[in-house]
Amino acid sequence: MTEVDDPLVGQFLDYEFPVMMSKTPPKVKWSVRPVGFDNEYIMTHRLGKSEDEIKALYECGALGKWPMCEDAGRHLFGMVKPG
């Protein structure tokens, strides 16, 4: 097990990478990004969409995100039981 310091979830223990390399040990930067985390970046920097176009895509349901609440990541990993 290795300790991961995830920006969304915080610190937790996770299984280590199953392959060990002597000169390049694995490092975990984050556990997993929530659904939709990179939407704005991809839509603006890669696809050239404007803020109004992106807003329209969210409004019609073409784009979505994991709920961004304080414990969203903890719920994702089963670390907090839903209310």
PDB file of N, CA and C in Angstrom:
ATOM      1  N   MET A   1       0.845  -1.175   0.000  1.00  0.00           N
ATOM      2  CA  MET A   1       0.000   0.000   0.000  1.00  0.00           C
ATOM      3  C   MET A   1       0.894   1.244   0.000  1.00  0.00           C
ATOM      4  N   THR A   2       0.379   2.290  -0.643  1.00  0.00           N
ATOM      5  CA  THR A   2       1.100   3.556  -0.679  1.00  0.00           C
ATOM      6  C   THR A   2       0.139   4.696  -0.366  1.00  0.00           C
ATOM      7  N   GLU A   3       0.664   5.737   0.246  1.00  0.00           N
ATOM      8  CA  GLU A   3      -0.172   6.884   0.575  1.00  0.00           C
ATOM      9  C   GLU A   3      -0.244   7.820  -0.623  1.00  0.00           C
ATOM     10  N   VAL A   4      -1.463   8.223  -0.974  1.00  0.00           N
ATOM     11  CA  VAL A   4      -1.701   9.131  -2.088  1.00  0.00           C
ATOM     12  C   VAL A   4      -2.255  10.428  -1.519  1.00  0.00           C
ATOM     13  N   ASP A   5      -1.731  11.555  -1.995  1.00  0.00           N
ATOM     14  CA  ASP A   5      -2.244  12.862  -1.581  1.00  0.00           C
ATOM     15  C   ASP A   5      -2.948  13.465  -2.795  1.00  0.00           C
ATOM     16  N   ASP A   6      -4.222  13.178  -2.925  1.00  0.00           N
ATOM     17  CA  ASP A   6      -5.025  13.601  -4.069  1.00  0.00           C
ATOM     18  C   ASP A   6      -5.593  14.991  -3.816  1.00  0.00           C
ATOM     19  N   PRO A   7      -5.565  15.904  -4.818  1.00  0.00           N
ATOM     20  CA  PRO A   7      -6.081  17.251  -4.600  1.00  0.00           C
ATOM     21  C   PRO A   7      -7.584  17.302  -4.318  1.00  0.00           C
ATOM     22  N   LEU A   8      -8.348  16.349  -4.781  1.00  0.00           N
ATOM     23  CA  LEU A   8      -9.789  16.340  -4.554  1.00  0.00           C
ATOM     24  C   LEU A   8     -10.155  15.515  -3.322  1.00  0.00           C
ATOM     25  N   VAL A   9      -9.589  14.337  -3.199  1.00  0.00           N
ATOM     26  CA  VAL A   9      -9.960  13.394  -2.143  1.00  0.00           C
ATOM     27  C   VAL A   9      -9.175  13.619  -0.858  1.00  0.00           C
ATOM     28  N   GLY A  10      -7.946  14.098  -0.972  1.00  0.00           N
ATOM     29  CA  GLY A  10      -7.072  14.224   0.192  1.00  0.00           C
ATOM     30  C   GLY A  10      -6.174  13.004   0.305  1.00  0.00           C
ATOM     31  N   GLN A  11      -5.654  12.740   1.485  1.00  0.00           N
ATOM     32  CA  GLN A  11      -4.741  11.619   1.669  1.00  0.00           C
ATOM     33  C   GLN A  11      -5.508  10.325   1.941  1.00  0.00           C
ATOM     34  N   PHE A  12      -5.054   9.246   1.290  1.00  0.00           N
ATOM     35  CA  PHE A  12      -5.632   7.928   1.517  1.00  0.00           C
ATOM     36  C   PHE A  12      -4.637   6.872   1.076  1.00  0.00           C
ATOM     37  N   LEU A  13      -4.848   5.642   1.496  1.00  0.00           N
ATOM     38  CA  LEU A  13      -3.992   4.528   1.092  1.00  0.00           C
ATOM     39  C   LEU A  13      -4.569   3.858  -0.141  1.00  0.00           C
ATOM     40  N   ASP A  14      -3.689   3.487  -1.059  1.00  0.00           N
ATOM     41  CA  ASP A  14      -4.107   2.822  -2.294  1.00  0.00           C
ATOM     42  C   ASP A  14      -3.098   1.721  -2.603  1.00  0.00           C
ATOM     43  N   TYR A  15      -3.501   0.775  -3.435  1.00  0.00           N
ATOM     44  CA  TYR A  15      -2.592  -0.283  -3.846  1.00  0.00           C
ATOM     45  C   TYR A  15      -1.486   0.298  -4.706  1.00  0.00           C
ATOM     46  N   GLU A  16      -0.297  -0.227  -4.543  1.00  0.00           N
ATOM     47  CA  GLU A  16       0.832   0.241  -5.322  1.00  0.00           C
ATOM     48  C   GLU A  16       0.775  -0.317  -6.734  1.00  0.00           C
ATOM     49  N   PHE A  17       1.502   0.325  -7.623  1.00  0.00           N
ATOM     50  CA  PHE A  17       1.623  -0.135  -9.005  1.00  0.00           C
ATOM     51  C   PHE A  17       2.219  -1.537  -8.984  1.00  0.00           C
ATOM     52  N   PRO A  18       1.642  -2.501  -9.718  1.00  0.00           N
ATOM     53  CA  PRO A  18       2.076  -3.897  -9.595  1.00  0.00           C
ATOM     54  C   PRO A  18       3.453  -4.198 -10.186  1.00  0.00           C
ATOM     55  N   VAL A  19       4.010  -3.309 -10.976  1.00  0.00           N
ATOM     56  CA  VAL A  19       5.317  -3.549 -11.585  1.00  0.00           C
ATOM     57  C   VAL A  19       6.331  -2.619 -10.929  1.00  0.00           C
ATOM     58  N   MET A  20       7.397  -3.174 -10.390  1.00  0.00           N
ATOM     59  CA  MET A  20       8.431  -2.361  -9.767  1.00  0.00           C
ATOM     60  C   MET A  20       9.635  -2.264 -10.695  1.00  0.00           C
ATOM     61  N   MET A  21      10.043  -1.040 -10.994  1.00  0.00           N
ATOM     62  CA  MET A  21      11.210  -0.804 -11.844  1.00  0.00           C
ATOM     63  C   MET A  21      12.296  -0.171 -10.980  1.00  0.00           C
ATOM     64  N   SER A  22      13.505  -0.697 -11.048  1.00  0.00           N
ATOM     65  CA  SER A  22      14.555  -0.253 -10.150  1.00  0.00           C
ATOM     66  C   SER A  22      14.987   1.197 -10.374  1.00  0.00           C
ATOM     67  N   LYS A  23      15.019   1.655 -11.617  1.00  0.00           N
ATOM     68  CA  LYS A  23      15.515   3.004 -11.884  1.00  0.00           C
ATOM     69  C   LYS A  23      14.408   4.052 -11.990  1.00  0.00           C
ATOM     70  N   THR A  24      13.195   3.620 -12.170  1.00  0.00           N
ATOM     71  CA  THR A  24      12.077   4.566 -12.286  1.00  0.00           C
ATOM     72  C   THR A  24      10.912   4.086 -11.434  1.00  0.00           C
ATOM     73  N   PRO A  25      11.003   4.275 -10.112  1.00  0.00           N
ATOM     74  CA  PRO A  25       9.898   3.837  -9.262  1.00  0.00           C
ATOM     75  C   PRO A  25       8.623   4.627  -9.574  1.00  0.00           C
ATOM     76  N   PRO A  26       7.467   3.975  -9.498  1.00  0.00           N
ATOM     77  CA  PRO A  26       6.218   4.660  -9.836  1.00  0.00           C
ATOM     78  C   PRO A  26       5.861   5.735  -8.811  1.00  0.00           C
ATOM     79  N   LYS A  27       5.243   6.801  -9.288  1.00  0.00           N
ATOM     80  CA  LYS A  27       4.744   7.870  -8.423  1.00  0.00           C
ATOM     81  C   LYS A  27       3.288   8.113  -8.782  1.00  0.00           C
ATOM     82  N   VAL A  28       2.476   8.345  -7.781  1.00  0.00           N
ATOM     83  CA  VAL A  28       1.060   8.624  -8.005  1.00  0.00           C
ATOM     84  C   VAL A  28       0.837  10.115  -7.782  1.00  0.00           C
ATOM     85  N   LYS A  29       0.400  10.833  -8.838  1.00  0.00           N
ATOM     86  CA  LYS A  29       0.133  12.265  -8.728  1.00  0.00           C
ATOM     87  C   LYS A  29      -1.279  12.514  -8.223  1.00  0.00           C
ATOM     88  N   TRP A  30      -2.219  11.727  -8.686  1.00  0.00           N
ATOM     89  CA  TRP A  30      -3.600  11.806  -8.229  1.00  0.00           C
ATOM     90  C   TRP A  30      -4.235  10.449  -8.475  1.00  0.00           C
ATOM     91  N   SER A  31      -5.345  10.208  -7.827  1.00  0.00           N
ATOM     92  CA  SER A  31      -5.976   8.898  -7.950  1.00  0.00           C
ATOM     93  C   SER A  31      -6.789   8.803  -9.232  1.00  0.00           C
ATOM     94  N   VAL A  32      -7.728   9.689  -9.394  1.00  0.00           N
ATOM     95  CA  VAL A  32      -8.564   9.701 -10.584  1.00  0.00           C
ATOM     96  C   VAL A  32      -9.227  11.079 -10.654  1.00  0.00           C
ATOM     97  N   ARG A  33      -9.385  11.575 -11.825  1.00  0.00           N
ATOM     98  CA  ARG A  33     -10.080  12.850 -11.961  1.00  0.00           C
ATOM     99  C   ARG A  33     -11.569  12.579 -12.122  1.00  0.00           C
ATOM    100  N   PRO A  34     -12.396  13.395 -11.487  1.00  0.00           N
ATOM    101  CA  PRO A  34     -13.841  13.178 -11.598  1.00  0.00           C
ATOM    102  C   PRO A  34     -14.340  13.455 -13.008  1.00  0.00           C
ATOM    103  N   VAL A  35     -15.463  12.866 -13.339  1.00  0.00           N
ATOM    104  CA  VAL A  35     -16.073  13.049 -14.660  1.00  0.00           C
ATOM    105  C   VAL A  35     -16.256  14.533 -14.924  1.00  0.00           C
ATOM    106  N   GLY A  36     -15.783  14.985 -16.075  1.00  0.00           N
ATOM    107  CA  GLY A  36     -15.949  16.377 -16.474  1.00  0.00           C
ATOM    108  C   GLY A  36     -14.895  17.320 -15.948  1.00  0.00           C
ATOM    109  N   PHE A  37     -13.892  16.827 -15.231  1.00  0.00           N
ATOM    110  CA  PHE A  37     -12.870  17.675 -14.622  1.00  0.00           C
ATOM    111  C   PHE A  37     -12.167  18.552 -15.658  1.00  0.00           C
ATOM    112  N   ASP A  38     -11.881  18.023 -16.824  1.00  0.00           N
ATOM    113  CA  ASP A  38     -11.134  18.743 -17.855  1.00  0.00           C
ATOM    114  C   ASP A  38     -12.014  19.309 -18.966  1.00  0.00           C
ATOM    115  N   ASN A  39     -13.326  19.337 -18.772  1.00  0.00           N
ATOM    116  CA  ASN A  39     -14.232  19.790 -19.831  1.00  0.00           C
ATOM    117  C   ASN A  39     -13.859  21.155 -20.403  1.00  0.00           C
ATOM    118  N   GLU A  40     -13.716  22.165 -19.524  1.00  0.00           N
ATOM    119  CA  GLU A  40     -13.464  23.515 -20.006  1.00  0.00           C
ATOM    120  C   GLU A  40     -12.137  23.613 -20.750  1.00  0.00           C
ATOM    121  N   TYR A  41     -11.111  22.951 -20.235  1.00  0.00           N
ATOM    122  CA  TYR A  41      -9.805  22.989 -20.894  1.00  0.00           C
ATOM    123  C   TYR A  41      -9.891  22.387 -22.303  1.00  0.00           C
ATOM    124  N   ILE A  42     -10.480  21.208 -22.402  1.00  0.00           N
ATOM    125  CA  ILE A  42     -10.587  20.535 -23.702  1.00  0.00           C
ATOM    126  C   ILE A  42     -11.436  21.358 -24.667  1.00  0.00           C
ATOM    127  N   MET A  43     -12.570  21.854 -24.175  1.00  0.00           N
ATOM    128  CA  MET A  43     -13.473  22.601 -25.058  1.00  0.00           C
ATOM    129  C   MET A  43     -12.860  23.911 -25.561  1.00  0.00           C
ATOM    130  N   THR A  44     -12.084  24.616 -24.711  1.00  0.00           N
ATOM    131  CA  THR A  44     -11.508  25.893 -25.142  1.00  0.00           C
ATOM    132  C   THR A  44     -10.168  25.715 -25.853  1.00  0.00           C
ATOM    133  N   HIS A  45      -9.256  24.959 -25.259  1.00  0.00           N
ATOM    134  CA  HIS A  45      -7.897  24.863 -25.798  1.00  0.00           C
ATOM    135  C   HIS A  45      -7.743  23.866 -26.941  1.00  0.00           C
ATOM    136  N   ARG A  46      -8.541  22.853 -26.949  1.00  0.00           N
ATOM    137  CA  ARG A  46      -8.417  21.839 -28.007  1.00  0.00           C
ATOM    138  C   ARG A  46      -9.471  21.983 -29.111  1.00  0.00           C
ATOM    139  N   LEU A  47     -10.686  22.378 -28.714  1.00  0.00           N
ATOM    140  CA  LEU A  47     -11.779  22.447 -29.691  1.00  0.00           C
ATOM    141  C   LEU A  47     -12.172  23.873 -30.066  1.00  0.00           C
ATOM    142  N   GLY A  48     -11.573  24.871 -29.406  1.00  0.00           N
ATOM    143  CA  GLY A  48     -11.800  26.258 -29.761  1.00  0.00           C
ATOM    144  C   GLY A  48     -13.195  26.796 -29.478  1.00  0.00           C
ATOM    145  N   LYS A  49     -13.889  26.231 -28.502  1.00  0.00           N
ATOM    146  CA  LYS A  49     -15.251  26.680 -28.170  1.00  0.00           C
ATOM    147  C   LYS A  49     -15.204  27.922 -27.290  1.00  0.00           C
ATOM    148  N   SER A  50     -16.192  28.795 -27.435  1.00  0.00           N
ATOM    149  CA  SER A  50     -16.305  29.993 -26.603  1.00  0.00           C
ATOM    150  C   SER A  50     -17.013  29.646 -25.296  1.00  0.00           C
ATOM    151  N   GLU A  51     -16.969  30.589 -24.335  1.00  0.00           N
ATOM    152  CA  GLU A  51     -17.665  30.368 -23.062  1.00  0.00           C
ATOM    153  C   GLU A  51     -19.160  30.179 -23.277  1.00  0.00           C
ATOM    154  N   ASP A  52     -19.745  30.965 -24.196  1.00  0.00           N
ATOM    155  CA  ASP A  52     -21.181  30.843 -24.478  1.00  0.00           C
ATOM    156  C   ASP A  52     -21.518  29.485 -25.082  1.00  0.00           C
ATOM    157  N   GLU A  53     -20.668  28.987 -25.974  1.00  0.00           N
ATOM    158  CA  GLU A  53     -20.902  27.668 -26.573  1.00  0.00           C
ATOM    159  C   GLU A  53     -20.820  26.569 -25.512  1.00  0.00           C
ATOM    160  N   ILE A  54     -19.839  26.680 -24.628  1.00  0.00           N
ATOM    161  CA  ILE A  54     -19.682  25.682 -23.561  1.00  0.00           C
ATOM    162  C   ILE A  54     -20.887  25.734 -22.623  1.00  0.00           C
ATOM    163  N   LYS A  55     -21.314  26.927 -22.245  1.00  0.00           N
ATOM    164  CA  LYS A  55     -22.489  27.078 -21.376  1.00  0.00           C
ATOM    165  C   LYS A  55     -23.714  26.427 -22.009  1.00  0.00           C
ATOM    166  N   ALA A  56     -23.896  26.632 -23.320  1.00  0.00           N
ATOM    167  CA  ALA A  56     -25.035  26.034 -24.024  1.00  0.00           C
ATOM    168  C   ALA A  56     -24.951  24.507 -24.000  1.00  0.00           C
ATOM    169  N   LEU A  57     -23.747  23.961 -24.111  1.00  0.00           N
ATOM    170  CA  LEU A  57     -23.572  22.504 -24.072  1.00  0.00           C
ATOM    171  C   LEU A  57     -23.922  21.938 -22.695  1.00  0.00           C
ATOM    172  N   TYR A  58     -23.561  22.658 -21.631  1.00  0.00           N
ATOM    173  CA  TYR A  58     -23.962  22.231 -20.287  1.00  0.00           C
ATOM    174  C   TYR A  58     -25.475  22.303 -20.129  1.00  0.00           C
ATOM    175  N   GLU A  59     -26.063  23.401 -20.601  1.00  0.00           N
ATOM    176  CA  GLU A  59     -27.506  23.604 -20.440  1.00  0.00           C
ATOM    177  C   GLU A  59     -28.340  22.560 -21.173  1.00  0.00           C
ATOM    178  N   CYS A  60     -27.885  22.124 -22.335  1.00  0.00           N
ATOM    179  CA  CYS A  60     -28.667  21.126 -23.076  1.00  0.00           C
ATOM    180  C   CYS A  60     -28.331  19.699 -22.652  1.00  0.00           C
ATOM    181  N   GLY A  61     -27.347  19.534 -21.758  1.00  0.00           N
ATOM    182  CA  GLY A  61     -27.009  18.201 -21.258  1.00  0.00           C
ATOM    183  C   GLY A  61     -25.942  17.473 -22.047  1.00  0.00           C
ATOM    184  N   ALA A  62     -25.350  18.128 -23.047  1.00  0.00           N
ATOM    185  CA  ALA A  62     -24.297  17.488 -23.838  1.00  0.00           C
ATOM    186  C   ALA A  62     -23.003  17.359 -23.037  1.00  0.00           C
ATOM    187  N   LEU A  63     -22.778  18.272 -22.090  1.00  0.00           N
ATOM    188  CA  LEU A  63     -21.634  18.204 -21.185  1.00  0.00           C
ATOM    189  C   LEU A  63     -22.154  18.090 -19.759  1.00  0.00           C
ATOM    190  N   GLY A  64     -21.404  17.420 -18.933  1.00  0.00           N
ATOM    191  CA  GLY A  64     -21.785  17.296 -17.533  1.00  0.00           C
ATOM    192  C   GLY A  64     -20.558  17.102 -16.673  1.00  0.00           C
ATOM    193  N   LYS A  65     -20.763  17.158 -15.369  1.00  0.00           N
ATOM    194  CA  LYS A  65     -19.673  16.993 -14.411  1.00  0.00           C
ATOM    195  C   LYS A  65     -20.144  16.189 -13.217  1.00  0.00           C
ATOM    196  N   TRP A  66     -19.164  15.588 -12.552  1.00  0.00           N
ATOM    197  CA  TRP A  66     -19.396  14.994 -11.248  1.00  0.00           C
ATOM    198  C   TRP A  66     -19.731  16.144 -10.314  1.00  0.00           C
ATOM    199  N   PRO A  67     -20.690  15.990  -9.405  1.00  0.00           N
ATOM    200  CA  PRO A  67     -21.041  17.096  -8.499  1.00  0.00           C
ATOM    201  C   PRO A  67     -19.819  17.585  -7.721  1.00  0.00           C
ATOM    202  N   MET A  68     -19.559  18.853  -7.802  1.00  0.00           N
ATOM    203  CA  MET A  68     -18.388  19.412  -7.144  1.00  0.00           C
ATOM    204  C   MET A  68     -18.747  19.908  -5.740  1.00  0.00           C
ATOM    205  N   CYS A  69     -18.940  18.967  -4.838  1.00  0.00           N
ATOM    206  CA  CYS A  69     -19.185  19.328  -3.449  1.00  0.00           C
ATOM    207  C   CYS A  69     -17.956  18.938  -2.641  1.00  0.00           C
ATOM    208  N   GLU A  70     -17.907  19.362  -1.410  1.00  0.00           N
ATOM    209  CA  GLU A  70     -16.727  19.153  -0.580  1.00  0.00           C
ATOM    210  C   GLU A  70     -16.327  17.687  -0.484  1.00  0.00           C
ATOM    211  N   ASP A  71     -17.306  16.780  -0.403  1.00  0.00           N
ATOM    212  CA  ASP A  71     -17.000  15.357  -0.231  1.00  0.00           C
ATOM    213  C   ASP A  71     -17.220  14.528  -1.497  1.00  0.00           C
ATOM    214  N   ALA A  72     -17.291  15.158  -2.675  1.00  0.00           N
ATOM    215  CA  ALA A  72     -17.577  14.408  -3.907  1.00  0.00           C
ATOM    216  C   ALA A  72     -16.574  13.284  -4.124  1.00  0.00           C
ATOM    217  N   GLY A  73     -15.292  13.571  -3.989  1.00  0.00           N
ATOM    218  CA  GLY A  73     -14.273  12.549  -4.183  1.00  0.00           C
ATOM    219  C   GLY A  73     -14.347  11.456  -3.144  1.00  0.00           C
ATOM    220  N   ARG A  74     -14.645  11.820  -1.920  1.00  0.00           N
ATOM    221  CA  ARG A  74     -14.740  10.822  -0.858  1.00  0.00           C
ATOM    222  C   ARG A  74     -15.925   9.886  -1.105  1.00  0.00           C
ATOM    223  N   HIS A  75     -17.027  10.405  -1.626  1.00  0.00           N
ATOM    224  CA  HIS A  75     -18.163   9.555  -1.987  1.00  0.00           C
ATOM    225  C   HIS A  75     -17.778   8.621  -3.133  1.00  0.00           C
ATOM    226  N   LEU A  76     -17.032   9.145  -4.088  1.00  0.00           N
ATOM    227  CA  LEU A  76     -16.605   8.363  -5.242  1.00  0.00           C
ATOM    228  C   LEU A  76     -15.838   7.128  -4.807  1.00  0.00           C
ATOM    229  N   PHE A  77     -14.991   7.253  -3.785  1.00  0.00           N
ATOM    230  CA  PHE A  77     -14.161   6.146  -3.349  1.00  0.00           C
ATOM    231  C   PHE A  77     -14.773   5.359  -2.193  1.00  0.00           C
ATOM    232  N   GLY A  78     -16.022   5.671  -1.822  1.00  0.00           N
ATOM    233  CA  GLY A  78     -16.664   4.949  -0.736  1.00  0.00           C
ATOM    234  C   GLY A  78     -16.104   5.292   0.629  1.00  0.00           C
ATOM    235  N   MET A  79     -15.415   6.434   0.727  1.00  0.00           N
ATOM    236  CA  MET A  79     -14.824   6.829   1.996  1.00  0.00           C
ATOM    237  C   MET A  79     -15.846   7.524   2.894  1.00  0.00           C
ATOM    238  N   VAL A  80     -16.931   8.018   2.311  1.00  0.00           N
ATOM    239  CA  VAL A  80     -18.000   8.644   3.062  1.00  0.00           C
ATOM    240  C   VAL A  80     -19.307   8.027   2.578  1.00  0.00           C
ATOM    241  N   LYS A  81     -20.126   7.601   3.496  1.00  0.00           N
ATOM    242  CA  LYS A  81     -21.407   7.016   3.097  1.00  0.00           C
ATOM    243  C   LYS A  81     -22.409   8.133   2.826  1.00  0.00           C
ATOM    244  N   PRO A  82     -23.150   8.058   1.694  1.00  0.00           N
ATOM    245  CA  PRO A  82     -24.127   9.100   1.389  1.00  0.00           C
ATOM    246  C   PRO A  82     -25.119   9.272   2.524  1.00  0.00           C
ATOM    247  N   GLY A  83     -25.491  10.575   2.774  1.00  0.00           N
ATOM    248  CA  GLY A  83     -26.394  10.962   3.857  1.00  0.00           C
ATOM    249  C   GLY A  83     -27.606  10.174   3.907  1.00  0.00           C
TER     250      GLY A  83
END
